[in-house]
């Protein structure tokens, strides 16, 4: 082989190697491409099961947050992110999907849905038709109001960050919790706040929309703020460095995890949210998911 042909062959091989390294950036066996969304660059420990797919959520060639996607239920188990208050309004809801769930060699960037939707996409994840006429809203795990830039906020509109959530929860007590966490960050947190928000399946027997997408019985969330103000008010000290919460997504569920406020107005009755210590949430998740779980490295101790 001539030196020129050898050089051309080497260049092609290098190009293919670089192309492959770009393509595998989002879907992988772990979160090694996006560790910065986790405290101490450590994802939750103890969470493992067949069908759980780590996704480094990438939009316009940049990582914005991380999700653990349940392929069998077609919903994320959790999304993890660093909270940064929005510098603008909520963007128009233009929904996207994860190409690499359908095609392993596809672009690592999330893409907008096209019409018609490719059958491989339909089989690999939730699509917009699943939510039509379902009586459920598209519930963000990573909400756009917790993301600073316009691109950050747009990136939250992927269905791999969405679970079926009742309107009474989504626009009621759960929305209040999202705003309360934002307030806690602005008022008391000195540095980065790491948030992990997820969905909890029913204890026995999955509930589905369109016989394809699993409906969670509860929403849950926890944050880690390792650096916070030293003069916290007494009624706030319990919320630092960590705090957690569980919210009802079914008004008919029992009250052993989250009690119901019988005096709440009808539109939000049964969708209560209960704030609790991190250890309590981890205990609830360990029982429900049948696996020991530690959400933040060293319990967020700096």
C-alpha atoms as a PDB file:
ATOM      1  CA  UNK A   1       0.000   0.000   0.000  1.00  0.00           C
ATOM      2  CA  UNK A   2       1.371   3.445  -0.964  1.00  0.00           C
ATOM      3  CA  UNK A   3       1.997   6.075   1.689  1.00  0.00           C
ATOM      4  CA  UNK A   4      -0.833   8.163   0.219  1.00  0.00           C
ATOM      5  CA  UNK A   5      -3.337   5.296   0.449  1.00  0.00           C
ATOM      6  CA  UNK A   6      -2.136   4.458   3.933  1.00  0.00           C
ATOM      7  CA  UNK A   7      -2.634   8.075   4.971  1.00  0.00           C
ATOM      8  CA  UNK A   8      -6.160   8.127   3.491  1.00  0.00           C
ATOM      9  CA  UNK A   9      -7.035   4.881   5.265  1.00  0.00           C
ATOM     10  CA  UNK A  10      -5.736   6.240   8.572  1.00  0.00           C
ATOM     11  CA  UNK A  11      -7.722   9.461   8.166  1.00  0.00           C
ATOM     12  CA  UNK A  12     -10.932   7.482   7.459  1.00  0.00           C
ATOM     13  CA  UNK A  13     -10.344   5.279  10.488  1.00  0.00           C
ATOM     14  CA  UNK A  14      -9.735   8.326  12.673  1.00  0.00           C
ATOM     15  CA  UNK A  15     -12.911   9.963  11.345  1.00  0.00           C
ATOM     16  CA  UNK A  16     -14.977   6.860  12.137  1.00  0.00           C
ATOM     17  CA  UNK A  17     -13.469   6.688  15.617  1.00  0.00           C
ATOM     18  CA  UNK A  18     -14.324  10.323  16.282  1.00  0.00           C
ATOM     19  CA  UNK A  19     -17.820   9.837  14.894  1.00  0.00           C
ATOM     20  CA  UNK A  20     -18.433   6.854  17.164  1.00  0.00           C
ATOM     21  CA  UNK A  21     -17.140   8.761  20.177  1.00  0.00           C
ATOM     22  CA  UNK A  22     -19.647  11.531  19.437  1.00  0.00           C
ATOM     23  CA  UNK A  23     -22.578   9.201  18.893  1.00  0.00           C
ATOM     24  CA  UNK A  24     -22.258   7.257  22.135  1.00  0.00           C
ATOM     25  CA  UNK A  25     -22.266  10.461  24.172  1.00  0.00           C
ATOM     26  CA  UNK A  26     -25.864  10.334  25.373  1.00  0.00           C
ATOM     27  CA  UNK A  27     -27.031   6.746  25.791  1.00  0.00           C
ATOM     28  CA  UNK A  28     -24.642   4.522  27.697  1.00  0.00           C
ATOM     29  CA  UNK A  29     -24.235   2.030  30.499  1.00  0.00           C
ATOM     30  CA  UNK A  30     -23.744   4.804  33.078  1.00  0.00           C
ATOM     31  CA  UNK A  31     -23.634   8.579  33.549  1.00  0.00           C
ATOM     32  CA  UNK A  32     -19.907   8.953  32.901  1.00  0.00           C
ATOM     33  CA  UNK A  33     -20.540  11.555  30.177  1.00  0.00           C
ATOM     34  CA  UNK A  34     -22.564  13.817  32.502  1.00  0.00           C
ATOM     35  CA  UNK A  35     -21.455  13.293  36.130  1.00  0.00           C
ATOM     36  CA  UNK A  36     -21.681  16.989  37.023  1.00  0.00           C
ATOM     37  CA  UNK A  37     -25.436  16.798  37.569  1.00  0.00           C
ATOM     38  CA  UNK A  38     -24.846  14.667  40.673  1.00  0.00           C
ATOM     39  CA  UNK A  39     -23.372  15.714  44.007  1.00  0.00           C
ATOM     40  CA  UNK A  40     -19.690  14.726  44.140  1.00  0.00           C
ATOM     41  CA  UNK A  41     -20.198  13.450  40.576  1.00  0.00           C
ATOM     42  CA  UNK A  42     -21.820  10.350  42.099  1.00  0.00           C
ATOM     43  CA  UNK A  43     -25.191   9.085  40.778  1.00  0.00           C
ATOM     44  CA  UNK A  44     -27.669   7.450  43.193  1.00  0.00           C
ATOM     45  CA  UNK A  45     -26.348   4.166  44.524  1.00  0.00           C
ATOM     46  CA  UNK A  46     -28.287   0.905  44.655  1.00  0.00           C
ATOM     47  CA  UNK A  47     -30.573   1.707  41.703  1.00  0.00           C
ATOM     48  CA  UNK A  48     -30.224  -1.059  39.162  1.00  0.00           C
ATOM     49  CA  UNK A  49     -32.593  -3.272  37.247  1.00  0.00           C
ATOM     50  CA  UNK A  50     -32.935  -4.719  33.748  1.00  0.00           C
ATOM     51  CA  UNK A  51     -34.325  -2.095  31.419  1.00  0.00           C
ATOM     52  CA  UNK A  52     -33.047   0.948  33.334  1.00  0.00           C
ATOM     53  CA  UNK A  53     -31.266   3.155  30.788  1.00  0.00           C
ATOM     54  CA  UNK A  54     -28.994   6.062  31.799  1.00  0.00           C
ATOM     55  CA  UNK A  55     -29.479   9.087  29.532  1.00  0.00           C
ATOM     56  CA  UNK A  56     -27.279  12.156  29.470  1.00  0.00           C
ATOM     57  CA  UNK A  57     -29.888  14.570  28.170  1.00  0.00           C
ATOM     58  CA  UNK A  58     -28.271  16.395  25.274  1.00  0.00           C
ATOM     59  CA  UNK A  59     -29.749  19.263  23.277  1.00  0.00           C
ATOM     60  CA  UNK A  60     -27.924  21.402  20.701  1.00  0.00           C
ATOM     61  CA  UNK A  61     -24.636  19.673  21.402  1.00  0.00           C
ATOM     62  CA  UNK A  62     -24.716  20.325  25.150  1.00  0.00           C
ATOM     63  CA  UNK A  63     -25.672  18.235  28.181  1.00  0.00           C
ATOM     64  CA  UNK A  64     -28.452  19.783  30.271  1.00  0.00           C
ATOM     65  CA  UNK A  65     -29.412  17.123  32.848  1.00  0.00           C
ATOM     66  CA  UNK A  66     -29.468  13.357  33.382  1.00  0.00           C
ATOM     67  CA  UNK A  67     -32.299  10.802  33.493  1.00  0.00           C
ATOM     68  CA  UNK A  68     -32.614   7.135  34.328  1.00  0.00           C
ATOM     69  CA  UNK A  69     -35.201   5.815  31.874  1.00  0.00           C
ATOM     70  CA  UNK A  70     -37.290   2.705  32.465  1.00  0.00           C
ATOM     71  CA  UNK A  71     -37.565   1.134  29.017  1.00  0.00           C
ATOM     72  CA  UNK A  72     -40.250  -1.324  30.101  1.00  0.00           C
ATOM     73  CA  UNK A  73     -42.537   1.311  31.609  1.00  0.00           C
ATOM     74  CA  UNK A  74     -41.588   4.023  29.073  1.00  0.00           C
ATOM     75  CA  UNK A  75     -41.108   6.625  31.798  1.00  0.00           C
ATOM     76  CA  UNK A  76     -38.062   8.001  33.631  1.00  0.00           C
ATOM     77  CA  UNK A  77     -37.409   6.652  37.105  1.00  0.00           C
ATOM     78  CA  UNK A  78     -35.712   9.954  37.905  1.00  0.00           C
ATOM     79  CA  UNK A  79     -34.118  13.067  36.428  1.00  0.00           C
ATOM     80  CA  UNK A  80     -31.134  14.747  38.087  1.00  0.00           C
ATOM     81  CA  UNK A  81     -30.059  18.352  37.597  1.00  0.00           C
ATOM     82  CA  UNK A  82     -28.453  21.412  39.110  1.00  0.00           C
ATOM     83  CA  UNK A  83     -31.031  24.033  39.959  1.00  0.00           C
ATOM     84  CA  UNK A  84     -30.541  27.427  38.323  1.00  0.00           C
ATOM     85  CA  UNK A  85     -33.448  29.915  38.334  1.00  0.00           C
ATOM     86  CA  UNK A  86     -34.936  30.628  34.918  1.00  0.00           C
ATOM     87  CA  UNK A  87     -33.813  33.890  33.290  1.00  0.00           C
ATOM     88  CA  UNK A  88     -36.931  34.044  31.115  1.00  0.00           C
ATOM     89  CA  UNK A  89     -40.392  32.676  30.517  1.00  0.00           C
ATOM     90  CA  UNK A  90     -41.434  29.055  30.028  1.00  0.00           C
ATOM     91  CA  UNK A  91     -40.810  28.170  26.372  1.00  0.00           C
ATOM     92  CA  UNK A  92     -43.467  26.942  23.983  1.00  0.00           C
ATOM     93  CA  UNK A  93     -44.096  23.233  24.447  1.00  0.00           C
ATOM     94  CA  UNK A  94     -42.315  21.699  21.448  1.00  0.00           C
ATOM     95  CA  UNK A  95     -41.854  18.071  22.421  1.00  0.00           C
ATOM     96  CA  UNK A  96     -38.849  15.876  21.690  1.00  0.00           C
ATOM     97  CA  UNK A  97     -37.754  12.257  21.934  1.00  0.00           C
ATOM     98  CA  UNK A  98     -34.499  10.340  22.435  1.00  0.00           C
ATOM     99  CA  UNK A  99     -33.216   8.982  19.072  1.00  0.00           C
ATOM    100  CA  UNK A 100     -30.702   6.579  20.588  1.00  0.00           C
ATOM    101  CA  UNK A 101     -33.421   4.642  22.420  1.00  0.00           C
ATOM    102  CA  UNK A 102     -34.699   3.682  18.973  1.00  0.00           C
ATOM    103  CA  UNK A 103     -31.436   3.542  17.021  1.00  0.00           C
ATOM    104  CA  UNK A 104     -28.163   2.977  18.861  1.00  0.00           C
ATOM    105  CA  UNK A 105     -26.171   4.766  16.159  1.00  0.00           C
ATOM    106  CA  UNK A 106     -28.436   7.813  15.955  1.00  0.00           C
ATOM    107  CA  UNK A 107     -27.563  11.386  16.824  1.00  0.00           C
ATOM    108  CA  UNK A 108     -26.923  11.928  20.545  1.00  0.00           C
ATOM    109  CA  UNK A 109     -29.068  15.074  20.523  1.00  0.00           C
ATOM    110  CA  UNK A 110     -32.765  14.845  21.414  1.00  0.00           C
ATOM    111  CA  UNK A 111     -34.969  15.502  18.381  1.00  0.00           C
ATOM    112  CA  UNK A 112     -38.398  16.990  17.746  1.00  0.00           C
ATOM    113  CA  UNK A 113     -41.160  14.554  16.891  1.00  0.00           C
ATOM    114  CA  UNK A 114     -41.890  14.163  13.198  1.00  0.00           C
ATOM    115  CA  UNK A 115     -45.101  13.052  11.491  1.00  0.00           C
ATOM    116  CA  UNK A 116     -45.512  10.187  11.033  1.00  0.00           C
ATOM    117  CA  UNK A 117     -43.530   8.900  14.014  1.00  0.00           C
ATOM    118  CA  UNK A 118     -41.113   6.118  13.136  1.00  0.00           C
ATOM    119  CA  UNK A 119     -42.294   2.732  14.409  1.00  0.00           C
ATOM    120  CA  UNK A 120     -38.940   2.101  16.108  1.00  0.00           C
ATOM    121  CA  UNK A 121     -39.407   5.302  18.097  1.00  0.00           C
ATOM    122  CA  UNK A 122     -42.935   4.252  19.079  1.00  0.00           C
ATOM    123  CA  UNK A 123     -41.730   0.880  20.308  1.00  0.00           C
ATOM    124  CA  UNK A 124     -38.768   2.260  22.262  1.00  0.00           C
ATOM    125  CA  UNK A 125     -40.350   5.103  24.263  1.00  0.00           C
ATOM    126  CA  UNK A 126     -43.426   7.175  24.995  1.00  0.00           C
ATOM    127  CA  UNK A 127     -44.829   9.331  22.183  1.00  0.00           C
ATOM    128  CA  UNK A 128     -47.330  12.174  22.116  1.00  0.00           C
ATOM    129  CA  UNK A 129     -50.237   9.919  21.091  1.00  0.00           C
ATOM    130  CA  UNK A 130     -49.882   8.063  24.399  1.00  0.00           C
ATOM    131  CA  UNK A 131     -50.973  11.176  26.294  1.00  0.00           C
ATOM    132  CA  UNK A 132     -53.855  12.220  24.038  1.00  0.00           C
ATOM    133  CA  UNK A 133     -57.265  11.765  25.690  1.00  0.00           C
ATOM    134  CA  UNK A 134     -55.587  10.067  28.657  1.00  0.00           C
ATOM    135  CA  UNK A 135     -56.810  12.418  31.446  1.00  0.00           C
ATOM    136  CA  UNK A 136     -53.143  12.890  32.424  1.00  0.00           C
ATOM    137  CA  UNK A 137     -50.865  15.871  31.859  1.00  0.00           C
ATOM    138  CA  UNK A 138     -47.209  15.623  30.858  1.00  0.00           C
ATOM    139  CA  UNK A 139     -45.470  15.971  34.209  1.00  0.00           C
ATOM    140  CA  UNK A 140     -41.899  17.275  34.164  1.00  0.00           C
ATOM    141  CA  UNK A 141     -39.425  15.673  36.550  1.00  0.00           C
ATOM    142  CA  UNK A 142     -36.910  18.393  35.752  1.00  0.00           C
ATOM    143  CA  UNK A 143     -39.172  21.463  35.485  1.00  0.00           C
ATOM    144  CA  UNK A 144     -38.318  24.288  33.112  1.00  0.00           C
ATOM    145  CA  UNK A 145     -38.565  26.900  35.897  1.00  0.00           C
ATOM    146  CA  UNK A 146     -35.530  25.270  37.545  1.00  0.00           C
ATOM    147  CA  UNK A 147     -33.390  25.803  34.422  1.00  0.00           C
ATOM    148  CA  UNK A 148     -31.627  29.072  33.593  1.00  0.00           C
ATOM    149  CA  UNK A 149     -31.150  29.552  29.858  1.00  0.00           C
ATOM    150  CA  UNK A 150     -33.677  29.168  27.064  1.00  0.00           C
ATOM    151  CA  UNK A 151     -31.848  26.091  25.749  1.00  0.00           C
ATOM    152  CA  UNK A 152     -31.781  24.626  29.283  1.00  0.00           C
ATOM    153  CA  UNK A 153     -35.534  25.081  29.529  1.00  0.00           C
ATOM    154  CA  UNK A 154     -36.261  23.767  26.037  1.00  0.00           C
ATOM    155  CA  UNK A 155     -34.272  20.622  26.836  1.00  0.00           C
ATOM    156  CA  UNK A 156     -36.741  19.695  29.595  1.00  0.00           C
ATOM    157  CA  UNK A 157     -39.439  19.171  26.949  1.00  0.00           C
ATOM    158  CA  UNK A 158     -38.394  15.637  26.073  1.00  0.00           C
ATOM    159  CA  UNK A 159     -40.772  12.795  26.883  1.00  0.00           C
ATOM    160  CA  UNK A 160     -37.862  10.975  28.519  1.00  0.00           C
ATOM    161  CA  UNK A 161     -38.221  13.615  31.284  1.00  0.00           C
ATOM    162  CA  UNK A 162     -42.000  13.198  31.539  1.00  0.00           C
ATOM    163  CA  UNK A 163     -44.426  10.993  33.483  1.00  0.00           C
ATOM    164  CA  UNK A 164     -48.243  10.880  33.399  1.00  0.00           C
ATOM    165  CA  UNK A 165     -49.298  13.290  36.131  1.00  0.00           C
ATOM    166  CA  UNK A 166     -52.785  14.302  37.170  1.00  0.00           C
ATOM    167  CA  UNK A 167     -53.656  17.960  36.651  1.00  0.00           C
ATOM    168  CA  UNK A 168     -54.585  18.340  40.327  1.00  0.00           C
ATOM    169  CA  UNK A 169     -51.011  17.449  41.243  1.00  0.00           C
ATOM    170  CA  UNK A 170     -49.163  19.086  38.353  1.00  0.00           C
ATOM    171  CA  UNK A 171     -50.717  22.534  38.714  1.00  0.00           C
ATOM    172  CA  UNK A 172     -51.504  22.207  42.425  1.00  0.00           C
ATOM    173  CA  UNK A 173     -49.424  20.991  45.396  1.00  0.00           C
ATOM    174  CA  UNK A 174     -46.573  19.646  43.245  1.00  0.00           C
ATOM    175  CA  UNK A 175     -46.231  22.979  41.472  1.00  0.00           C
ATOM    176  CA  UNK A 176     -46.108  24.670  44.881  1.00  0.00           C
ATOM    177  CA  UNK A 177     -43.313  22.320  45.955  1.00  0.00           C
ATOM    178  CA  UNK A 178     -41.273  23.219  42.858  1.00  0.00           C
ATOM    179  CA  UNK A 179     -41.653  26.899  43.728  1.00  0.00           C
ATOM    180  CA  UNK A 180     -40.853  26.263  47.401  1.00  0.00           C
ATOM    181  CA  UNK A 181     -37.614  24.490  46.448  1.00  0.00           C
ATOM    182  CA  UNK A 182     -36.727  27.389  44.170  1.00  0.00           C
ATOM    183  CA  UNK A 183     -37.355  29.808  47.036  1.00  0.00           C
ATOM    184  CA  UNK A 184     -35.197  27.726  49.407  1.00  0.00           C
ATOM    185  CA  UNK A 185     -32.374  27.826  46.881  1.00  0.00           C
ATOM    186  CA  UNK A 186     -32.553  31.577  46.350  1.00  0.00           C
ATOM    187  CA  UNK A 187     -32.894  32.400  50.040  1.00  0.00           C
ATOM    188  CA  UNK A 188     -30.630  29.961  51.864  1.00  0.00           C
ATOM    189  CA  UNK A 189     -28.329  28.050  49.492  1.00  0.00           C
ATOM    190  CA  UNK A 190     -24.841  29.534  49.014  1.00  0.00           C
ATOM    191  CA  UNK A 191     -23.679  27.349  46.158  1.00  0.00           C
ATOM    192  CA  UNK A 192     -24.970  24.597  43.915  1.00  0.00           C
ATOM    193  CA  UNK A 193     -28.219  22.794  44.672  1.00  0.00           C
ATOM    194  CA  UNK A 194     -28.445  19.263  43.269  1.00  0.00           C
ATOM    195  CA  UNK A 195     -31.965  17.961  42.694  1.00  0.00           C
ATOM    196  CA  UNK A 196     -33.198  14.463  41.904  1.00  0.00           C
ATOM    197  CA  UNK A 197     -36.885  14.099  41.098  1.00  0.00           C
ATOM    198  CA  UNK A 198     -38.603  10.851  40.256  1.00  0.00           C
ATOM    199  CA  UNK A 199     -41.724   8.762  39.966  1.00  0.00           C
ATOM    200  CA  UNK A 200     -42.831   5.855  42.128  1.00  0.00           C
ATOM    201  CA  UNK A 201     -44.801   2.992  40.544  1.00  0.00           C
ATOM    202  CA  UNK A 202     -47.762   1.344  42.238  1.00  0.00           C
ATOM    203  CA  UNK A 203     -46.915  -1.258  44.856  1.00  0.00           C
ATOM    204  CA  UNK A 204     -48.734  -4.008  43.000  1.00  0.00           C
ATOM    205  CA  UNK A 205     -50.026  -3.933  39.466  1.00  0.00           C
ATOM    206  CA  UNK A 206     -48.890  -1.228  37.077  1.00  0.00           C
ATOM    207  CA  UNK A 207     -51.400   1.341  35.888  1.00  0.00           C
ATOM    208  CA  UNK A 208     -51.081   2.382  32.253  1.00  0.00           C
ATOM    209  CA  UNK A 209     -52.138   4.973  29.723  1.00  0.00           C
ATOM    210  CA  UNK A 210     -52.690   3.651  26.194  1.00  0.00           C
ATOM    211  CA  UNK A 211     -51.578   0.234  27.538  1.00  0.00           C
ATOM    212  CA  UNK A 212     -48.004   1.436  27.043  1.00  0.00           C
ATOM    213  CA  UNK A 213     -46.895   4.105  29.529  1.00  0.00           C
ATOM    214  CA  UNK A 214     -46.798   3.452  33.266  1.00  0.00           C
ATOM    215  CA  UNK A 215     -48.607   5.853  35.590  1.00  0.00           C
ATOM    216  CA  UNK A 216     -46.828   6.579  38.891  1.00  0.00           C
ATOM    217  CA  UNK A 217     -48.732   6.417  42.141  1.00  0.00           C
ATOM    218  CA  UNK A 218     -46.468   9.037  43.702  1.00  0.00           C
ATOM    219  CA  UNK A 219     -44.019  11.727  42.648  1.00  0.00           C
ATOM    220  CA  UNK A 220     -40.901  12.248  44.740  1.00  0.00           C
ATOM    221  CA  UNK A 221     -38.070  14.755  44.930  1.00  0.00           C
ATOM    222  CA  UNK A 222     -34.948  15.459  46.988  1.00  0.00           C
ATOM    223  CA  UNK A 223     -32.314  18.146  47.002  1.00  0.00           C
ATOM    224  CA  UNK A 224     -28.774  18.504  48.263  1.00  0.00           C
ATOM    225  CA  UNK A 225     -27.344  21.933  49.142  1.00  0.00           C
ATOM    226  CA  UNK A 226     -23.945  21.264  50.757  1.00  0.00           C
ATOM    227  CA  UNK A 227     -23.185  24.959  51.331  1.00  0.00           C
ATOM    228  CA  UNK A 228     -25.874  27.056  52.985  1.00  0.00           C
ATOM    229  CA  UNK A 229     -26.260  30.088  55.220  1.00  0.00           C
ATOM    230  CA  UNK A 230     -25.089  29.639  58.794  1.00  0.00           C
ATOM    231  CA  UNK A 231     -27.907  31.672  60.323  1.00  0.00           C
ATOM    232  CA  UNK A 232     -30.861  29.595  59.144  1.00  0.00           C
ATOM    233  CA  UNK A 233     -34.164  30.292  60.914  1.00  0.00           C
ATOM    234  CA  UNK A 234     -35.099  27.487  63.304  1.00  0.00           C
ATOM    235  CA  UNK A 235     -38.065  26.456  61.175  1.00  0.00           C
ATOM    236  CA  UNK A 236     -35.795  26.063  58.118  1.00  0.00           C
ATOM    237  CA  UNK A 237     -32.874  24.135  59.633  1.00  0.00           C
ATOM    238  CA  UNK A 238     -34.631  20.811  59.020  1.00  0.00           C
ATOM    239  CA  UNK A 239     -34.465  21.472  55.264  1.00  0.00           C
ATOM    240  CA  UNK A 240     -30.639  21.670  55.020  1.00  0.00           C
ATOM    241  CA  UNK A 241     -28.363  20.337  53.719  1.00  0.00           C
ATOM    242  CA  UNK A 242     -30.972  17.916  52.376  1.00  0.00           C
ATOM    243  CA  UNK A 243     -34.722  17.729  52.134  1.00  0.00           C
ATOM    244  CA  UNK A 244     -37.144  15.411  50.374  1.00  0.00           C
ATOM    245  CA  UNK A 245     -40.803  15.206  49.496  1.00  0.00           C
ATOM    246  CA  UNK A 246     -43.411  12.772  48.198  1.00  0.00           C
ATOM    247  CA  UNK A 247     -46.543  13.846  46.350  1.00  0.00           C
ATOM    248  CA  UNK A 248     -49.724  11.926  45.642  1.00  0.00           C
ATOM    249  CA  UNK A 249     -50.663  11.283  42.001  1.00  0.00           C
ATOM    250  CA  UNK A 250     -53.768   9.244  42.807  1.00  0.00           C
ATOM    251  CA  UNK A 251     -56.456  10.717  45.085  1.00  0.00           C
ATOM    252  CA  UNK A 252     -57.671   7.206  45.901  1.00  0.00           C
ATOM    253  CA  UNK A 253     -54.357   5.905  47.232  1.00  0.00           C
ATOM    254  CA  UNK A 254     -53.957   5.067  50.907  1.00  0.00           C
ATOM    255  CA  UNK A 255     -52.633   7.624  53.377  1.00  0.00           C
ATOM    256  CA  UNK A 256     -49.745   5.669  54.911  1.00  0.00           C
ATOM    257  CA  UNK A 257     -47.148   7.635  52.886  1.00  0.00           C
ATOM    258  CA  UNK A 258     -48.874  10.982  52.349  1.00  0.00           C
ATOM    259  CA  UNK A 259     -51.992  11.930  54.360  1.00  0.00           C
ATOM    260  CA  UNK A 260     -54.878  13.746  52.679  1.00  0.00           C
ATOM    261  CA  UNK A 261     -56.009  17.201  53.702  1.00  0.00           C
ATOM    262  CA  UNK A 262     -59.780  16.776  53.720  1.00  0.00           C
ATOM    263  CA  UNK A 263     -60.248  20.558  53.791  1.00  0.00           C
ATOM    264  CA  UNK A 264     -58.392  21.193  50.521  1.00  0.00           C
ATOM    265  CA  UNK A 265     -60.423  22.560  47.642  1.00  0.00           C
ATOM    266  CA  UNK A 266     -61.895  19.826  45.395  1.00  0.00           C
ATOM    267  CA  UNK A 267     -59.584  20.487  42.429  1.00  0.00           C
ATOM    268  CA  UNK A 268     -56.472  19.543  44.440  1.00  0.00           C
ATOM    269  CA  UNK A 269     -57.912  17.284  47.147  1.00  0.00           C
ATOM    270  CA  UNK A 270     -56.029  14.011  47.321  1.00  0.00           C
ATOM    271  CA  UNK A 271     -52.891  15.369  45.619  1.00  0.00           C
ATOM    272  CA  UNK A 272     -51.113  16.397  48.813  1.00  0.00           C
ATOM    273  CA  UNK A 273     -47.335  16.718  49.107  1.00  0.00           C
ATOM    274  CA  UNK A 274     -45.451  15.795  52.261  1.00  0.00           C
ATOM    275  CA  UNK A 275     -41.956  17.119  52.940  1.00  0.00           C
ATOM    276  CA  UNK A 276     -39.696  14.795  54.932  1.00  0.00           C
ATOM    277  CA  UNK A 277     -36.068  14.009  55.799  1.00  0.00           C
ATOM    278  CA  UNK A 278     -33.978  12.428  53.035  1.00  0.00           C
ATOM    279  CA  UNK A 279     -33.665   9.204  55.041  1.00  0.00           C
ATOM    280  CA  UNK A 280     -37.461   8.803  55.098  1.00  0.00           C
ATOM    281  CA  UNK A 281     -37.726   9.089  51.325  1.00  0.00           C
ATOM    282  CA  UNK A 282     -34.894   6.624  50.785  1.00  0.00           C
ATOM    283  CA  UNK A 283     -36.667   4.166  53.085  1.00  0.00           C
ATOM    284  CA  UNK A 284     -39.924   4.530  51.156  1.00  0.00           C
ATOM    285  CA  UNK A 285     -38.145   4.055  47.822  1.00  0.00           C
ATOM    286  CA  UNK A 286     -36.213   1.042  49.130  1.00  0.00           C
ATOM    287  CA  UNK A 287     -39.477  -0.694  50.049  1.00  0.00           C
ATOM    288  CA  UNK A 288     -41.361   0.261  46.902  1.00  0.00           C
ATOM    289  CA  UNK A 289     -38.552  -0.529  44.440  1.00  0.00           C
ATOM    290  CA  UNK A 290     -37.142  -3.451  46.448  1.00  0.00           C
ATOM    291  CA  UNK A 291     -33.592  -2.126  46.333  1.00  0.00           C
ATOM    292  CA  UNK A 292     -31.412  -0.177  48.779  1.00  0.00           C
ATOM    293  CA  UNK A 293     -31.071   3.417  47.610  1.00  0.00           C
ATOM    294  CA  UNK A 294     -28.720   6.266  48.493  1.00  0.00           C
ATOM    295  CA  UNK A 295     -29.566   9.401  46.519  1.00  0.00           C
ATOM    296  CA  UNK A 296     -26.624  11.667  47.463  1.00  0.00           C
ATOM    297  CA  UNK A 297     -23.030  10.746  48.106  1.00  0.00           C
ATOM    298  CA  UNK A 298     -22.173  10.844  51.839  1.00  0.00           C
ATOM    299  CA  UNK A 299     -25.673  12.207  52.455  1.00  0.00           C
ATOM    300  CA  UNK A 300     -24.625  15.567  50.989  1.00  0.00           C
ATOM    301  CA  UNK A 301     -22.078  16.241  53.720  1.00  0.00           C
ATOM    302  CA  UNK A 302     -19.419  18.597  52.328  1.00  0.00           C
END
